[in-house]
Amino acid sequence: MRRHEVGGAPTDRDAERGWEVARPLGGTSLDGVRMAGYRDRAAAGLDLRVLPQPAVILVIGLGSEPLTVESATGQRPLRSLVAALSPGPARVLGERVECVEVRLSPRAAYGLLGVSPPELDGSITSLADLWGARERRLRERLTEATTWQERLALTDGFLAERAAAAPSMAPEVAAAWDTIVARRGRVRVADLAASCGWSRKRLRTRFHAQLGLTPKRAAMLVRFDHAVRALCAGESASTVALTCGYADQPHLHRDVAALAGCTPGALVRRLTSTG
């Protein structure tokens, strides 16, 4: 069985390892939404350990077999799933996988999911639990479609319809998130609060209600995401700690251990292994 350990479905390089990868030719119609279709044409199987990242991941399964999600609460077969921004330790397995993956920025996820982000409780949840019969109808339409471009267009249209009736994130919260992203997590919560004219307590409360995590945790997550990319690009842990805004290398190690459950070196080996 081929192993993958990334935040979502297999990456582009997996096209060389037996994965068929398709992306929408014209992009998507919504800001903060990216999607792709994946099929395990080599029947190698999927073994994915989910990492925290600054995006909410939706996976809509199209194959004959459900995905299996292993977590601290046990095993659960899911046809479709949603992974929160910072899910707990989890593993997703599957055979003959075929799916559409949608990556939502927190700003997009707030309106499109249809639930308050804290309700996801930092976990991997059945998408059917969130969307009910709409999830089943969408999955049936995607399964019946004959091309990837048709499937991706159907998904884009479905999300655009939801977006038309979706609530908007508070502009102060949206601006705080955008600042965290723009500064790659290198920002003080006090400065964020001052920039929108709120107290730290009010920013923390509103931010958590609309994104499902605190501003401090969001900054930690964005900084971690950039650090992982730099580590996988071959930069040393000491260089990454300096360039990604960590006080020192031990602080980088502590964040990686907290979010990935291992050392930076072990994480790189997992992510870059051809398995």
C-alpha atoms as a PDB file:
ATOM      1  CA  MET A   1       0.000   0.000   0.000  1.00  0.00           C
ATOM      2  CA  ARG A   2       1.335   3.430  -0.951  1.00  0.00           C
ATOM      3  CA  ARG A   3       1.669   5.839   1.962  1.00  0.00           C
ATOM      4  CA  HIS A   4       0.837   9.546   1.905  1.00  0.00           C
ATOM      5  CA  GLU A   5       1.084  11.931   4.818  1.00  0.00           C
ATOM      6  CA  VAL A   6      -0.157  15.348   3.806  1.00  0.00           C
ATOM      7  CA  GLY A   7      -2.959  17.646   4.828  1.00  0.00           C
ATOM      8  CA  GLY A   8      -5.377  16.501   2.144  1.00  0.00           C
ATOM      9  CA  ALA A   9      -5.484  14.093  -0.775  1.00  0.00           C
ATOM     10  CA  PRO A  10      -2.340  13.004  -2.693  1.00  0.00           C
ATOM     11  CA  THR A  11      -0.140  15.752  -4.134  1.00  0.00           C
ATOM     12  CA  ASP A  12       0.681  16.397  -7.787  1.00  0.00           C
ATOM     13  CA  ARG A  13       3.816  14.291  -7.683  1.00  0.00           C
ATOM     14  CA  ASP A  14       1.592  11.314  -6.949  1.00  0.00           C
ATOM     15  CA  ALA A  15       0.529  11.443 -10.594  1.00  0.00           C
ATOM     16  CA  GLU A  16       3.846   9.723 -11.218  1.00  0.00           C
ATOM     17  CA  ARG A  17       2.993   7.082  -8.614  1.00  0.00           C
ATOM     18  CA  GLY A  18      -0.238   5.822 -10.036  1.00  0.00           C
ATOM     19  CA  TRP A  19      -2.629   8.626  -9.044  1.00  0.00           C
ATOM     20  CA  GLU A  20      -4.757  10.358 -11.641  1.00  0.00           C
ATOM     21  CA  VAL A  21      -4.998  14.062 -10.724  1.00  0.00           C
ATOM     22  CA  ALA A  22      -7.406  16.549 -12.330  1.00  0.00           C
ATOM     23  CA  ARG A  23      -7.890  20.243 -11.608  1.00  0.00           C
ATOM     24  CA  PRO A  24     -10.566  22.626 -12.959  1.00  0.00           C
ATOM     25  CA  LEU A  25      -9.321  24.135 -16.208  1.00  0.00           C
ATOM     26  CA  GLY A  26     -10.824  27.535 -15.504  1.00  0.00           C
ATOM     27  CA  GLY A  27     -10.217  27.646 -11.776  1.00  0.00           C
ATOM     28  CA  THR A  28     -13.075  28.013  -9.298  1.00  0.00           C
ATOM     29  CA  SER A  29     -15.738  30.715  -9.070  1.00  0.00           C
ATOM     30  CA  LEU A  30     -15.229  31.419  -5.353  1.00  0.00           C
ATOM     31  CA  ASP A  31     -12.364  33.050  -3.495  1.00  0.00           C
ATOM     32  CA  GLY A  32     -10.623  30.778  -1.023  1.00  0.00           C
ATOM     33  CA  VAL A  33     -11.770  27.562  -2.747  1.00  0.00           C
ATOM     34  CA  ARG A  34      -9.483  25.080  -4.488  1.00  0.00           C
ATOM     35  CA  MET A  35     -10.417  21.640  -5.702  1.00  0.00           C
ATOM     36  CA  ALA A  36      -9.099  18.599  -7.525  1.00  0.00           C
ATOM     37  CA  GLY A  37     -10.161  15.120  -8.525  1.00  0.00           C
ATOM     38  CA  TYR A  38      -8.113  12.052  -7.565  1.00  0.00           C
ATOM     39  CA  ARG A  39      -8.237   8.421  -8.629  1.00  0.00           C
ATOM     40  CA  ASP A  40      -5.977   5.599  -7.517  1.00  0.00           C
ATOM     41  CA  ARG A  41      -5.495   4.129 -10.981  1.00  0.00           C
ATOM     42  CA  ALA A  42      -2.718   1.812  -9.764  1.00  0.00           C
ATOM     43  CA  ALA A  43      -4.966   0.399  -6.998  1.00  0.00           C
ATOM     44  CA  ALA A  44      -2.094   0.960  -4.567  1.00  0.00           C
ATOM     45  CA  GLY A  45      -4.377   2.103  -1.763  1.00  0.00           C
ATOM     46  CA  LEU A  46      -4.347   5.169   0.430  1.00  0.00           C
ATOM     47  CA  ASP A  47      -2.778   5.509   3.872  1.00  0.00           C
ATOM     48  CA  LEU A  48      -2.947   9.162   4.919  1.00  0.00           C
ATOM     49  CA  ARG A  49      -2.085  10.745   8.236  1.00  0.00           C
ATOM     50  CA  VAL A  50      -3.862  14.050   8.537  1.00  0.00           C
ATOM     51  CA  LEU A  51      -1.801  17.085   9.527  1.00  0.00           C
ATOM     52  CA  PRO A  52      -3.131  20.391  10.840  1.00  0.00           C
ATOM     53  CA  GLN A  53      -3.090  23.136   8.190  1.00  0.00           C
ATOM     54  CA  PRO A  54      -4.682  26.547   7.571  1.00  0.00           C
ATOM     55  CA  ALA A  55      -7.504  25.105   5.470  1.00  0.00           C
ATOM     56  CA  VAL A  56     -10.649  23.031   5.951  1.00  0.00           C
ATOM     57  CA  ILE A  57     -10.573  19.904   3.772  1.00  0.00           C
ATOM     58  CA  LEU A  58     -13.637  18.284   2.221  1.00  0.00           C
ATOM     59  CA  VAL A  59     -13.309  14.868   0.574  1.00  0.00           C
ATOM     60  CA  ILE A  60     -16.273  13.577  -1.420  1.00  0.00           C
ATOM     61  CA  GLY A  61     -15.820   9.875  -2.123  1.00  0.00           C
ATOM     62  CA  LEU A  62     -16.926   8.480  -5.476  1.00  0.00           C
ATOM     63  CA  GLY A  63     -15.554   4.962  -5.354  1.00  0.00           C
ATOM     64  CA  SER A  64     -17.362   1.760  -4.484  1.00  0.00           C
ATOM     65  CA  GLU A  65     -15.673   1.519  -1.075  1.00  0.00           C
ATOM     66  CA  PRO A  66     -15.914   4.084   1.752  1.00  0.00           C
ATOM     67  CA  LEU A  67     -12.862   5.643   3.328  1.00  0.00           C
ATOM     68  CA  THR A  68     -11.923   4.477   6.818  1.00  0.00           C
ATOM     69  CA  VAL A  69     -11.064   7.125   9.393  1.00  0.00           C
ATOM     70  CA  GLU A  70      -9.036   6.006  12.399  1.00  0.00           C
ATOM     71  CA  SER A  71      -8.923   8.354  15.380  1.00  0.00           C
ATOM     72  CA  ALA A  72      -8.787   8.311  19.157  1.00  0.00           C
ATOM     73  CA  THR A  73     -12.477   7.380  19.193  1.00  0.00           C
ATOM     74  CA  GLY A  74     -12.028   4.315  16.966  1.00  0.00           C
ATOM     75  CA  GLN A  75     -12.696   3.499  13.312  1.00  0.00           C
ATOM     76  CA  ARG A  76     -15.487   4.927  11.181  1.00  0.00           C
ATOM     77  CA  PRO A  77     -16.319   4.286   7.489  1.00  0.00           C
ATOM     78  CA  LEU A  78     -17.186   7.529   5.678  1.00  0.00           C
ATOM     79  CA  ARG A  79     -18.284   8.192   2.110  1.00  0.00           C
ATOM     80  CA  SER A  80     -17.400  11.865   2.482  1.00  0.00           C
ATOM     81  CA  LEU A  81     -15.604  13.777   5.195  1.00  0.00           C
ATOM     82  CA  VAL A  82     -14.604  17.204   6.441  1.00  0.00           C
ATOM     83  CA  ALA A  83     -11.348  17.782   8.331  1.00  0.00           C
ATOM     84  CA  ALA A  84     -11.216  20.792  10.647  1.00  0.00           C
ATOM     85  CA  LEU A  85      -8.336  23.279  10.657  1.00  0.00           C
ATOM     86  CA  SER A  86      -6.504  21.500  13.443  1.00  0.00           C
ATOM     87  CA  PRO A  87      -7.812  17.930  13.680  1.00  0.00           C
ATOM     88  CA  GLY A  88      -6.579  15.586  16.337  1.00  0.00           C
ATOM     89  CA  PRO A  89      -4.341  12.640  15.394  1.00  0.00           C
ATOM     90  CA  ALA A  90      -6.122  10.763  12.620  1.00  0.00           C
ATOM     91  CA  ARG A  91      -5.452   8.395   9.770  1.00  0.00           C
ATOM     92  CA  VAL A  92      -7.482   7.904   6.576  1.00  0.00           C
ATOM     93  CA  LEU A  93      -7.276   4.625   4.660  1.00  0.00           C
ATOM     94  CA  GLY A  94      -8.937   3.479   1.475  1.00  0.00           C
ATOM     95  CA  GLU A  95      -8.818   1.034  -1.426  1.00  0.00           C
ATOM     96  CA  ARG A  96      -9.539   1.958  -5.062  1.00  0.00           C
ATOM     97  CA  VAL A  97      -9.977   5.565  -3.956  1.00  0.00           C
ATOM     98  CA  GLU A  98     -11.736   8.008  -6.259  1.00  0.00           C
ATOM     99  CA  CYS A  99     -12.753  11.379  -4.872  1.00  0.00           C
ATOM    100  CA  VAL A 100     -13.125  15.114  -5.238  1.00  0.00           C
ATOM    101  CA  GLU A 101     -11.119  17.115  -2.703  1.00  0.00           C
ATOM    102  CA  VAL A 102     -12.066  20.693  -1.836  1.00  0.00           C
ATOM    103  CA  ARG A 103      -9.764  22.948   0.165  1.00  0.00           C
ATOM    104  CA  LEU A 104     -11.512  25.867   1.867  1.00  0.00           C
ATOM    105  CA  SER A 105      -9.827  28.856   3.424  1.00  0.00           C
ATOM    106  CA  PRO A 106     -11.282  29.585   6.869  1.00  0.00           C
ATOM    107  CA  ARG A 107     -13.064  32.613   5.401  1.00  0.00           C
ATOM    108  CA  ALA A 108     -14.760  30.444   2.776  1.00  0.00           C
ATOM    109  CA  ALA A 109     -15.471  27.609   5.195  1.00  0.00           C
ATOM    110  CA  TYR A 110     -17.326  29.888   7.588  1.00  0.00           C
ATOM    111  CA  GLY A 111     -20.182  30.387   5.137  1.00  0.00           C
ATOM    112  CA  LEU A 112     -20.047  27.199   3.090  1.00  0.00           C
ATOM    113  CA  LEU A 113     -20.048  24.556   5.821  1.00  0.00           C
ATOM    114  CA  GLY A 114     -23.396  25.569   7.273  1.00  0.00           C
ATOM    115  CA  VAL A 115     -22.260  25.056  10.879  1.00  0.00           C
ATOM    116  CA  SER A 116     -20.264  27.091  13.336  1.00  0.00           C
ATOM    117  CA  PRO A 117     -16.568  26.054  13.037  1.00  0.00           C
ATOM    118  CA  PRO A 118     -16.295  25.242  16.776  1.00  0.00           C
ATOM    119  CA  GLU A 119     -18.932  22.550  16.200  1.00  0.00           C
ATOM    120  CA  LEU A 120     -16.353  20.593  14.186  1.00  0.00           C
ATOM    121  CA  ASP A 121     -14.492  20.232  17.482  1.00  0.00           C
ATOM    122  CA  GLY A 122     -11.084  19.890  15.863  1.00  0.00           C
ATOM    123  CA  SER A 123     -11.918  16.556  14.278  1.00  0.00           C
ATOM    124  CA  ILE A 124     -12.742  14.685  11.086  1.00  0.00           C
ATOM    125  CA  THR A 125     -16.496  14.546  10.592  1.00  0.00           C
ATOM    126  CA  SER A 126     -18.887  13.001   8.113  1.00  0.00           C
ATOM    127  CA  LEU A 127     -19.870  15.575   5.500  1.00  0.00           C
ATOM    128  CA  ALA A 128     -23.313  13.944   5.471  1.00  0.00           C
ATOM    129  CA  ASP A 129     -23.711  14.973   9.114  1.00  0.00           C
ATOM    130  CA  LEU A 130     -23.295  18.595   8.019  1.00  0.00           C
ATOM    131  CA  TRP A 131     -25.150  18.665   4.692  1.00  0.00           C
ATOM    132  CA  GLY A 132     -27.619  15.810   5.088  1.00  0.00           C
ATOM    133  CA  ALA A 133     -29.466  14.801   1.894  1.00  0.00           C
ATOM    134  CA  ARG A 134     -27.644  17.504  -0.077  1.00  0.00           C
ATOM    135  CA  GLU A 135     -24.374  15.627   0.404  1.00  0.00           C
ATOM    136  CA  ARG A 136     -25.918  12.406  -0.891  1.00  0.00           C
ATOM    137  CA  ARG A 137     -27.418  14.090  -3.952  1.00  0.00           C
ATOM    138  CA  LEU A 138     -24.146  15.834  -4.763  1.00  0.00           C
ATOM    139  CA  ARG A 139     -22.198  12.590  -4.417  1.00  0.00           C
ATOM    140  CA  GLU A 140     -24.685  10.779  -6.677  1.00  0.00           C
ATOM    141  CA  ARG A 141     -24.410  13.496  -9.339  1.00  0.00           C
ATOM    142  CA  LEU A 142     -20.615  13.391  -9.198  1.00  0.00           C
ATOM    143  CA  THR A 143     -20.599   9.605  -9.489  1.00  0.00           C
ATOM    144  CA  GLU A 144     -22.864   9.743 -12.539  1.00  0.00           C
ATOM    145  CA  ALA A 145     -20.724  12.372 -14.304  1.00  0.00           C
ATOM    146  CA  THR A 146     -18.441  10.938 -16.988  1.00  0.00           C
ATOM    147  CA  THR A 147     -15.481  13.365 -16.878  1.00  0.00           C
ATOM    148  CA  TRP A 148     -13.432  15.058 -14.166  1.00  0.00           C
ATOM    149  CA  GLN A 149     -14.150  18.507 -15.580  1.00  0.00           C
ATOM    150  CA  GLU A 150     -17.873  17.827 -15.321  1.00  0.00           C
ATOM    151  CA  ARG A 151     -17.448  16.649 -11.736  1.00  0.00           C
ATOM    152  CA  LEU A 152     -15.404  19.674 -10.766  1.00  0.00           C
ATOM    153  CA  ALA A 153     -17.889  22.024 -12.440  1.00  0.00           C
ATOM    154  CA  LEU A 154     -20.761  20.370 -10.556  1.00  0.00           C
ATOM    155  CA  THR A 155     -18.905  20.803  -7.264  1.00  0.00           C
ATOM    156  CA  ASP A 156     -18.100  24.426  -8.057  1.00  0.00           C
ATOM    157  CA  GLY A 157     -21.737  25.130  -8.918  1.00  0.00           C
ATOM    158  CA  PHE A 158     -22.956  23.449  -5.741  1.00  0.00           C
ATOM    159  CA  LEU A 159     -20.624  25.576  -3.603  1.00  0.00           C
ATOM    160  CA  ALA A 160     -21.558  28.750  -5.475  1.00  0.00           C
ATOM    161  CA  GLU A 161     -25.224  28.128  -4.665  1.00  0.00           C
ATOM    162  CA  ARG A 162     -24.401  27.676  -0.989  1.00  0.00           C
ATOM    163  CA  ALA A 163     -22.249  30.810  -1.015  1.00  0.00           C
ATOM    164  CA  ALA A 164     -25.129  32.901  -2.351  1.00  0.00           C
ATOM    165  CA  ALA A 165     -27.066  32.321   0.872  1.00  0.00           C
ATOM    166  CA  ALA A 166     -24.090  32.045   3.238  1.00  0.00           C
ATOM    167  CA  PRO A 167     -23.429  34.448   6.130  1.00  0.00           C
ATOM    168  CA  SER A 168     -20.458  36.769   5.896  1.00  0.00           C
ATOM    169  CA  MET A 169     -17.591  36.710   8.360  1.00  0.00           C
ATOM    170  CA  ALA A 170     -17.248  39.814  10.516  1.00  0.00           C
ATOM    171  CA  PRO A 171     -14.900  42.200   8.652  1.00  0.00           C
ATOM    172  CA  GLU A 172     -12.722  42.588  11.744  1.00  0.00           C
ATOM    173  CA  VAL A 173     -12.264  38.818  12.024  1.00  0.00           C
ATOM    174  CA  ALA A 174     -11.613  38.489   8.297  1.00  0.00           C
ATOM    175  CA  ALA A 175      -9.016  41.262   8.446  1.00  0.00           C
ATOM    176  CA  ALA A 176      -7.308  39.628  11.428  1.00  0.00           C
ATOM    177  CA  TRP A 177      -7.109  36.308   9.572  1.00  0.00           C
ATOM    178  CA  ASP A 178      -5.784  37.988   6.419  1.00  0.00           C
ATOM    179  CA  THR A 179      -3.093  39.717   8.485  1.00  0.00           C
ATOM    180  CA  ILE A 180      -2.045  36.423  10.080  1.00  0.00           C
ATOM    181  CA  VAL A 181      -1.730  34.832   6.628  1.00  0.00           C
ATOM    182  CA  ALA A 182       0.072  37.815   5.079  1.00  0.00           C
ATOM    183  CA  ARG A 183       2.614  37.865   7.902  1.00  0.00           C
ATOM    184  CA  ARG A 184       2.988  34.078   7.898  1.00  0.00           C
ATOM    185  CA  GLY A 185       1.893  33.819  11.511  1.00  0.00           C
ATOM    186  CA  ARG A 186       4.465  36.324  12.739  1.00  0.00           C
ATOM    187  CA  VAL A 187       2.057  38.668  14.475  1.00  0.00           C
ATOM    188  CA  ARG A 188       1.117  39.629  18.034  1.00  0.00           C
ATOM    189  CA  VAL A 189      -2.492  39.179  19.125  1.00  0.00           C
ATOM    190  CA  ALA A 190      -2.385  42.579  20.839  1.00  0.00           C
ATOM    191  CA  ASP A 191      -1.495  44.205  17.520  1.00  0.00           C
ATOM    192  CA  LEU A 192      -4.330  42.370  15.769  1.00  0.00           C
ATOM    193  CA  ALA A 193      -6.818  43.571  18.366  1.00  0.00           C
ATOM    194  CA  ALA A 194      -5.559  47.142  18.164  1.00  0.00           C
ATOM    195  CA  SER A 195      -5.803  47.147  14.370  1.00  0.00           C
ATOM    196  CA  CYS A 196      -9.549  46.432  14.500  1.00  0.00           C
ATOM    197  CA  GLY A 197     -10.302  48.539  17.571  1.00  0.00           C
ATOM    198  CA  TRP A 198     -11.251  45.595  19.776  1.00  0.00           C
ATOM    199  CA  SER A 199      -9.977  44.329  23.089  1.00  0.00           C
ATOM    200  CA  ARG A 200      -7.943  41.125  23.028  1.00  0.00           C
ATOM    201  CA  LYS A 201     -10.776  39.318  24.789  1.00  0.00           C
ATOM    202  CA  ARG A 202     -13.377  40.422  22.233  1.00  0.00           C
ATOM    203  CA  LEU A 203     -11.122  39.498  19.311  1.00  0.00           C
ATOM    204  CA  ARG A 204     -10.442  36.089  20.840  1.00  0.00           C
ATOM    205  CA  THR A 205     -14.149  35.414  21.404  1.00  0.00           C
ATOM    206  CA  ARG A 206     -15.326  36.536  17.954  1.00  0.00           C
ATOM    207  CA  PHE A 207     -12.378  34.940  16.158  1.00  0.00           C
ATOM    208  CA  HIS A 208     -12.965  31.583  17.837  1.00  0.00           C
ATOM    209  CA  ALA A 209     -16.699  31.707  17.142  1.00  0.00           C
ATOM    210  CA  GLN A 210     -16.143  32.232  13.406  1.00  0.00           C
ATOM    211  CA  LEU A 211     -12.962  30.221  12.755  1.00  0.00           C
ATOM    212  CA  GLY A 212     -13.019  27.595  15.481  1.00  0.00           C
ATOM    213  CA  LEU A 213      -9.639  28.488  16.974  1.00  0.00           C
ATOM    214  CA  THR A 214      -8.046  31.442  18.734  1.00  0.00           C
ATOM    215  CA  PRO A 215      -5.893  34.074  16.978  1.00  0.00           C
ATOM    216  CA  LYS A 216      -2.824  32.716  18.779  1.00  0.00           C
ATOM    217  CA  ARG A 217      -3.565  29.169  17.609  1.00  0.00           C
ATOM    218  CA  ALA A 218      -4.247  30.421  14.081  1.00  0.00           C
ATOM    219  CA  ALA A 219      -0.867  32.173  13.972  1.00  0.00           C
ATOM    220  CA  MET A 220       0.802  29.018  15.274  1.00  0.00           C
ATOM    221  CA  LEU A 221      -0.908  26.976  12.556  1.00  0.00           C
ATOM    222  CA  VAL A 222       0.077  29.313   9.710  1.00  0.00           C
ATOM    223  CA  ARG A 223       3.678  29.501  10.960  1.00  0.00           C
ATOM    224  CA  PHE A 224       3.779  25.690  11.226  1.00  0.00           C
ATOM    225  CA  ASP A 225       2.493  25.318   7.661  1.00  0.00           C
ATOM    226  CA  HIS A 226       5.271  27.510   6.277  1.00  0.00           C
ATOM    227  CA  ALA A 227       7.843  25.711   8.413  1.00  0.00           C
ATOM    228  CA  VAL A 228       6.762  22.302   7.086  1.00  0.00           C
ATOM    229  CA  ARG A 229       7.049  23.526   3.498  1.00  0.00           C
ATOM    230  CA  ALA A 230      10.530  24.897   4.140  1.00  0.00           C
ATOM    231  CA  LEU A 231      11.679  21.720   5.896  1.00  0.00           C
ATOM    232  CA  CYS A 232      10.436  19.583   2.993  1.00  0.00           C
ATOM    233  CA  ALA A 233      12.285  21.893   0.575  1.00  0.00           C
ATOM    234  CA  GLY A 234      15.515  20.847   2.273  1.00  0.00           C
ATOM    235  CA  GLU A 235      16.179  23.752   4.634  1.00  0.00           C
ATOM    236  CA  SER A 236      17.739  22.929   7.989  1.00  0.00           C
ATOM    237  CA  ALA A 237      15.700  23.130  11.185  1.00  0.00           C
ATOM    238  CA  SER A 238      17.884  25.985  12.455  1.00  0.00           C
ATOM    239  CA  THR A 239      17.333  28.001   9.269  1.00  0.00           C
ATOM    240  CA  VAL A 240      13.595  27.309   9.294  1.00  0.00           C
ATOM    241  CA  ALA A 241      13.313  28.390  12.931  1.00  0.00           C
ATOM    242  CA  LEU A 242      14.990  31.701  12.037  1.00  0.00           C
ATOM    243  CA  THR A 243      13.122  32.449   8.808  1.00  0.00           C
ATOM    244  CA  CYS A 244       9.682  31.325  10.031  1.00  0.00           C
ATOM    245  CA  GLY A 245       9.667  33.467  13.157  1.00  0.00           C
ATOM    246  CA  TYR A 246      10.401  30.981  15.933  1.00  0.00           C
ATOM    247  CA  ALA A 247      12.339  32.262  18.938  1.00  0.00           C
ATOM    248  CA  ASP A 248      14.830  29.453  18.492  1.00  0.00           C
ATOM    249  CA  GLN A 249      15.104  25.872  17.214  1.00  0.00           C
ATOM    250  CA  PRO A 250      13.638  24.301  20.401  1.00  0.00           C
ATOM    251  CA  HIS A 251      10.491  26.380  19.862  1.00  0.00           C
ATOM    252  CA  LEU A 252      10.201  24.967  16.349  1.00  0.00           C
ATOM    253  CA  HIS A 253      10.591  21.453  17.749  1.00  0.00           C
ATOM    254  CA  ARG A 254       7.899  22.101  20.356  1.00  0.00           C
ATOM    255  CA  ASP A 255       5.394  23.354  17.773  1.00  0.00           C
ATOM    256  CA  VAL A 256       6.051  20.431  15.420  1.00  0.00           C
ATOM    257  CA  ALA A 257       5.693  17.994  18.311  1.00  0.00           C
ATOM    258  CA  ALA A 258       2.428  19.643  19.406  1.00  0.00           C
ATOM    259  CA  LEU A 259       0.888  19.704  15.930  1.00  0.00           C
ATOM    260  CA  ALA A 260       2.404  16.646  14.242  1.00  0.00           C
ATOM    261  CA  GLY A 261       3.410  14.474  17.177  1.00  0.00           C
ATOM    262  CA  CYS A 262       7.023  14.010  16.088  1.00  0.00           C
ATOM    263  CA  THR A 263      10.326  15.809  15.494  1.00  0.00           C
ATOM    264  CA  PRO A 264      10.936  17.985  12.392  1.00  0.00           C
ATOM    265  CA  GLY A 265      13.294  15.350  10.978  1.00  0.00           C
ATOM    266  CA  ALA A 266      10.770  12.549  11.415  1.00  0.00           C
ATOM    267  CA  LEU A 267       8.052  14.687   9.846  1.00  0.00           C
ATOM    268  CA  VAL A 268      10.158  15.363   6.757  1.00  0.00           C
ATOM    269  CA  ARG A 269      10.939  11.665   6.387  1.00  0.00           C
ATOM    270  CA  ARG A 270       7.223  10.838   6.510  1.00  0.00           C
ATOM    271  CA  LEU A 271       6.265  13.532   4.023  1.00  0.00           C
ATOM    272  CA  THR A 272       9.030  12.838   1.523  1.00  0.00           C
ATOM    273  CA  SER A 273       9.031   9.036   1.721  1.00  0.00           C
ATOM    274  CA  THR A 274       8.049   7.276  -1.499  1.00  0.00           C
ATOM    275  CA  GLY A 275       6.792   4.415   0.700  1.00  0.00           C
END
